[in-house]
């Protein structure tokens, strides 16, 4: 998978002209997934990655590493664009990441004023 990652990073740099920091972020995310897939599920070929592998990886990141939805989203973006690239360039048959939805981000309601605070403002 490392060879495919290198090819993809070159593509991001040369054809897309994306920043070095963006390339590093994508590389870090993809290499983490590659290491996990080799160590945990013994898959070295991106063409053998399935939707279930993505789900297991994201569950691992959320459970073991305690990542928030916003951090999981960063990993998922990297995986989605990488596998879309591989499918578009004929390096894999089908994009397994296509079916994954992004994790819902936590939304918090704004703080509200209570009655005494509203009176104080009005006075």
Protein backbone atom coordinates (compact mmCIF):
# COMPACT_ATOMS: atom_id res chain seq x y z
CA UNK A 1 0.00 0.00 0.00
CA UNK A 2 2.97 2.29 0.60
CA UNK A 3 3.70 2.55 -3.12
CA UNK A 4 0.11 3.65 -3.78
CA UNK A 5 0.32 6.25 -1.01
CA UNK A 6 3.52 7.68 -2.52
CA UNK A 7 1.88 7.88 -5.93
CA UNK A 8 -1.16 9.61 -4.45
CA UNK A 9 0.93 12.18 -2.56
CA UNK A 10 2.82 12.99 -5.78
CA UNK A 11 -0.55 13.43 -7.49
CA UNK A 12 -1.70 15.85 -4.77
CA UNK A 13 1.51 17.85 -5.09
CA UNK A 14 1.95 17.97 -8.85
CA UNK A 15 -1.51 17.78 -10.36
CA UNK A 16 -3.61 19.32 -7.61
CA UNK A 17 -0.99 21.75 -6.29
CA UNK A 18 -2.08 21.24 -2.69
CA UNK A 19 -0.03 22.64 0.18
CA UNK A 20 2.77 20.75 1.86
CA UNK A 21 0.88 20.77 5.17
CA UNK A 22 -2.18 19.24 3.52
CA UNK A 23 -0.01 16.58 1.88
CA UNK A 24 1.61 15.77 5.24
CA UNK A 25 -1.76 15.49 6.94
CA UNK A 26 -3.07 13.14 4.25
CA UNK A 27 0.14 11.09 4.33
CA UNK A 28 -0.02 10.73 8.10
CA UNK A 29 -3.63 9.57 7.96
CA UNK A 30 -3.01 7.10 5.14
CA UNK A 31 0.14 5.67 6.69
CA UNK A 32 -1.70 5.15 9.99
CA UNK A 33 -4.41 3.23 8.13
CA UNK A 34 -1.82 1.25 6.17
CA UNK A 35 0.03 0.27 9.35
CA UNK A 36 -3.24 -0.76 11.01
CA UNK A 37 -4.38 -2.78 8.00
CA UNK A 38 -1.07 -4.64 7.81
CA UNK A 39 -0.81 -5.29 11.54
CA UNK A 40 -4.41 -5.95 12.53
CA UNK A 41 -6.10 -7.45 9.46
CA UNK A 42 -3.01 -8.53 7.47
CA UNK A 43 -4.10 -6.73 4.30
CA UNK A 44 -1.30 -5.19 2.24
CA UNK A 45 -3.15 -4.59 -1.01
CA UNK A 46 -5.57 -1.61 -1.17
CA UNK A 47 -7.68 -3.59 -3.63
CA UNK A 48 -8.59 -6.02 -0.85
CA UNK A 49 -9.86 -3.36 1.55
CA UNK A 50 -13.59 -3.57 2.20
CA UNK A 51 -16.24 -1.41 3.80
CA UNK A 52 -16.04 -3.60 6.91
CA UNK A 53 -12.33 -2.81 7.21
CA UNK A 54 -13.07 0.92 7.24
CA UNK A 55 -15.74 0.47 9.87
CA UNK A 56 -13.37 -1.58 12.04
CA UNK A 57 -10.61 1.00 11.63
CA UNK A 58 -12.83 3.94 12.57
CA UNK A 59 -14.16 1.98 15.55
CA UNK A 60 -10.56 1.31 16.60
CA UNK A 61 -9.69 5.00 16.31
CA UNK A 62 -12.76 6.02 18.26
CA UNK A 63 -12.51 3.33 20.94
CA UNK A 64 -8.80 2.77 21.55
CA UNK A 65 -7.49 6.22 20.70
CA UNK A 66 -10.56 8.09 21.98
CA UNK A 67 -10.78 10.32 18.92
CA UNK A 68 -13.62 12.78 18.60
CA UNK A 69 -15.89 12.84 15.56
CA UNK A 70 -14.00 15.82 14.14
CA UNK A 71 -10.71 13.90 14.24
CA UNK A 72 -12.31 10.79 12.75
CA UNK A 73 -13.59 12.99 9.96
CA UNK A 74 -10.00 13.98 9.05
CA UNK A 75 -8.97 10.33 8.75
CA UNK A 76 -12.08 9.52 6.75
CA UNK A 77 -11.54 12.38 4.30
CA UNK A 78 -8.02 11.10 3.61
CA UNK A 79 -9.29 7.54 3.08
CA UNK A 80 -12.15 8.62 0.83
CA UNK A 81 -10.02 10.75 -1.48
CA UNK A 82 -7.26 8.12 -1.59
CA UNK A 83 -9.57 5.26 -2.54
CA UNK A 84 -11.49 7.46 -4.98
CA UNK A 85 -8.14 8.25 -6.64
CA UNK A 86 -7.20 4.55 -6.78
CA UNK A 87 -10.55 3.60 -8.34
CA UNK A 88 -10.46 6.48 -10.85
CA UNK A 89 -6.96 5.48 -11.98
CA UNK A 90 -7.85 1.80 -12.33
CA UNK A 91 -5.65 0.64 -9.47
CA UNK A 92 -8.56 -0.97 -7.64
CA UNK A 93 -11.85 -2.29 -8.96
CA UNK A 94 -14.32 -0.43 -6.78
CA UNK A 95 -14.05 2.34 -4.21
CA UNK A 96 -14.97 0.71 -0.86
CA UNK A 97 -14.96 4.09 0.93
CA UNK A 98 -17.73 5.42 -1.29
CA UNK A 99 -20.44 4.05 1.01
CA UNK A 100 -19.10 5.49 4.25
CA UNK A 101 -20.88 8.47 5.74
CA UNK A 102 -19.03 11.06 7.74
CA UNK A 103 -19.42 10.87 11.52
CA UNK A 104 -21.87 13.36 12.94
CA UNK A 105 -20.20 16.25 14.66
CA UNK A 106 -21.29 17.12 18.16
CA UNK A 107 -23.35 20.27 18.27
CA UNK A 108 -23.88 22.17 21.42
CA UNK A 109 -26.74 24.51 22.16
CA UNK A 110 -25.75 28.04 23.07
CA UNK A 111 -25.99 29.15 26.67
CA UNK A 112 -29.16 31.06 27.41
CA UNK A 113 -29.88 33.80 29.87
CA UNK A 114 -32.09 33.20 32.84
CA UNK A 115 -34.76 35.64 33.99
CA UNK A 116 -32.61 37.60 36.50
CA UNK A 117 -29.88 38.04 33.87
CA UNK A 118 -32.38 39.37 31.32
CA UNK A 119 -33.79 41.83 33.90
CA UNK A 120 -30.30 43.03 34.75
CA UNK A 121 -29.57 43.69 31.07
CA UNK A 122 -32.86 45.54 30.59
CA UNK A 123 -32.26 47.72 33.60
